[in-house]
Amino acid sequence: MADLASGDVPRLCALMEKYSSLPTSLGGASLVVVGERLGLTRVFTLKLGAFRAYRPRHADSFEIVS
């Protein structure tokens, strides 16, 4: 669990817009933002489709654990 910071909002909005053609949720985009901020590359999610498409700023992709 991690809190979103007010500084995360612009990136969150950018992700929601960039991936609007995918089934992007606020929760999923929030996970990307927090992952970027913390430098994480491994995420746990049950929404495999969207996370395979996400390209975080700090890595080529996320390693998905489901």
C-alpha atoms as a PDB file:
ATOM      1  CA  MET A   1       0.000   0.000   0.000  1.00  0.00           C
ATOM      2  CA  ALA A   2       1.214   3.463  -0.841  1.00  0.00           C
ATOM      3  CA  ASP A   3      -0.290   6.910  -0.813  1.00  0.00           C
ATOM      4  CA  LEU A   4      -0.594   9.085  -3.862  1.00  0.00           C
ATOM      5  CA  ALA A   5       1.008  12.481  -3.484  1.00  0.00           C
ATOM      6  CA  SER A   6      -0.373  15.684  -4.989  1.00  0.00           C
ATOM      7  CA  GLY A   7       2.680  15.705  -7.276  1.00  0.00           C
ATOM      8  CA  ASP A   8       1.507  12.385  -8.755  1.00  0.00           C
ATOM      9  CA  VAL A   9      -1.691  13.858 -10.209  1.00  0.00           C
ATOM     10  CA  PRO A  10      -0.228  15.244 -13.476  1.00  0.00           C
ATOM     11  CA  ARG A  11       1.397  11.898 -14.316  1.00  0.00           C
ATOM     12  CA  LEU A  12      -1.779  10.055 -13.353  1.00  0.00           C
ATOM     13  CA  CYS A  13      -3.818  12.236 -15.723  1.00  0.00           C
ATOM     14  CA  ALA A  14      -1.249  11.766 -18.494  1.00  0.00           C
ATOM     15  CA  LEU A  15      -1.411   7.986 -18.135  1.00  0.00           C
ATOM     16  CA  MET A  16      -5.208   7.970 -18.168  1.00  0.00           C
ATOM     17  CA  GLU A  17      -5.140   9.977 -21.400  1.00  0.00           C
ATOM     18  CA  LYS A  18      -2.294   8.041 -23.060  1.00  0.00           C
ATOM     19  CA  TYR A  19      -3.885   4.655 -22.395  1.00  0.00           C
ATOM     20  CA  SER A  20      -7.512   5.726 -22.868  1.00  0.00           C
ATOM     21  CA  SER A  21      -8.012   3.125 -25.607  1.00  0.00           C
ATOM     22  CA  LEU A  22      -7.273   0.372 -23.072  1.00  0.00           C
ATOM     23  CA  PRO A  23      -9.408  -0.673 -20.119  1.00  0.00           C
ATOM     24  CA  THR A  24      -7.387   1.685 -17.923  1.00  0.00           C
ATOM     25  CA  SER A  25      -8.658   2.237 -14.412  1.00  0.00           C
ATOM     26  CA  LEU A  26      -7.719   4.870 -11.891  1.00  0.00           C
ATOM     27  CA  GLY A  27      -6.399   2.097  -9.661  1.00  0.00           C
ATOM     28  CA  GLY A  28      -4.184   0.658 -12.390  1.00  0.00           C
ATOM     29  CA  ALA A  29      -2.809   4.033 -13.406  1.00  0.00           C
ATOM     30  CA  SER A  30      -2.168   4.797  -9.728  1.00  0.00           C
ATOM     31  CA  LEU A  31      -0.137   1.618  -9.433  1.00  0.00           C
ATOM     32  CA  VAL A  32       1.979   2.708 -12.405  1.00  0.00           C
ATOM     33  CA  VAL A  33       2.557   6.147 -10.884  1.00  0.00           C
ATOM     34  CA  VAL A  34       3.555   4.756  -7.490  1.00  0.00           C
ATOM     35  CA  GLY A  35       5.748   2.137  -9.176  1.00  0.00           C
ATOM     36  CA  GLU A  36       7.537   4.862 -11.093  1.00  0.00           C
ATOM     37  CA  ARG A  37       7.986   7.022  -8.011  1.00  0.00           C
ATOM     38  CA  LEU A  38       9.379   4.134  -5.962  1.00  0.00           C
ATOM     39  CA  GLY A  39      11.421   2.650  -8.809  1.00  0.00           C
ATOM     40  CA  LEU A  40       9.542  -0.641  -8.700  1.00  0.00           C
ATOM     41  CA  THR A  41       9.605  -2.991 -11.669  1.00  0.00           C
ATOM     42  CA  ARG A  42       7.554  -5.894 -10.270  1.00  0.00           C
ATOM     43  CA  VAL A  43       3.812  -5.523  -9.753  1.00  0.00           C
ATOM     44  CA  PHE A  44       1.017  -7.824  -8.666  1.00  0.00           C
ATOM     45  CA  THR A  45      -2.169  -7.454 -10.659  1.00  0.00           C
ATOM     46  CA  LEU A  46      -5.038  -9.503 -11.983  1.00  0.00           C
ATOM     47  CA  LYS A  47      -5.462  -7.090 -14.930  1.00  0.00           C
ATOM     48  CA  LEU A  48      -2.783  -8.525 -17.158  1.00  0.00           C
ATOM     49  CA  GLY A  49      -3.831  -6.910 -20.438  1.00  0.00           C
ATOM     50  CA  ALA A  50      -3.412  -3.294 -19.417  1.00  0.00           C
ATOM     51  CA  PHE A  51      -0.210  -3.872 -17.479  1.00  0.00           C
ATOM     52  CA  ARG A  52       1.456  -5.540 -20.440  1.00  0.00           C
ATOM     53  CA  ALA A  53       0.864  -2.311 -22.377  1.00  0.00           C
ATOM     54  CA  TYR A  54       2.049   0.155 -19.723  1.00  0.00           C
ATOM     55  CA  ARG A  55       5.548   1.539 -20.252  1.00  0.00           C
ATOM     56  CA  PRO A  56       6.866   3.077 -17.033  1.00  0.00           C
ATOM     57  CA  ARG A  57       9.371   5.896 -17.270  1.00  0.00           C
ATOM     58  CA  HIS A  58      12.091   4.013 -15.414  1.00  0.00           C
ATOM     59  CA  ALA A  59      11.958   0.603 -17.148  1.00  0.00           C
ATOM     60  CA  ASP A  60      11.034  -1.010 -20.446  1.00  0.00           C
ATOM     61  CA  SER A  61       8.080  -2.731 -18.793  1.00  0.00           C
ATOM     62  CA  PHE A  62       6.791  -4.101 -15.514  1.00  0.00           C
ATOM     63  CA  GLU A  63       7.404  -7.668 -14.446  1.00  0.00           C
ATOM     64  CA  ILE A  64       3.900  -8.919 -13.732  1.00  0.00           C
ATOM     65  CA  VAL A  65       3.182 -11.295 -10.875  1.00  0.00           C
ATOM     66  CA  SER A  66      -0.343 -12.664 -10.908  1.00  0.00           C
END
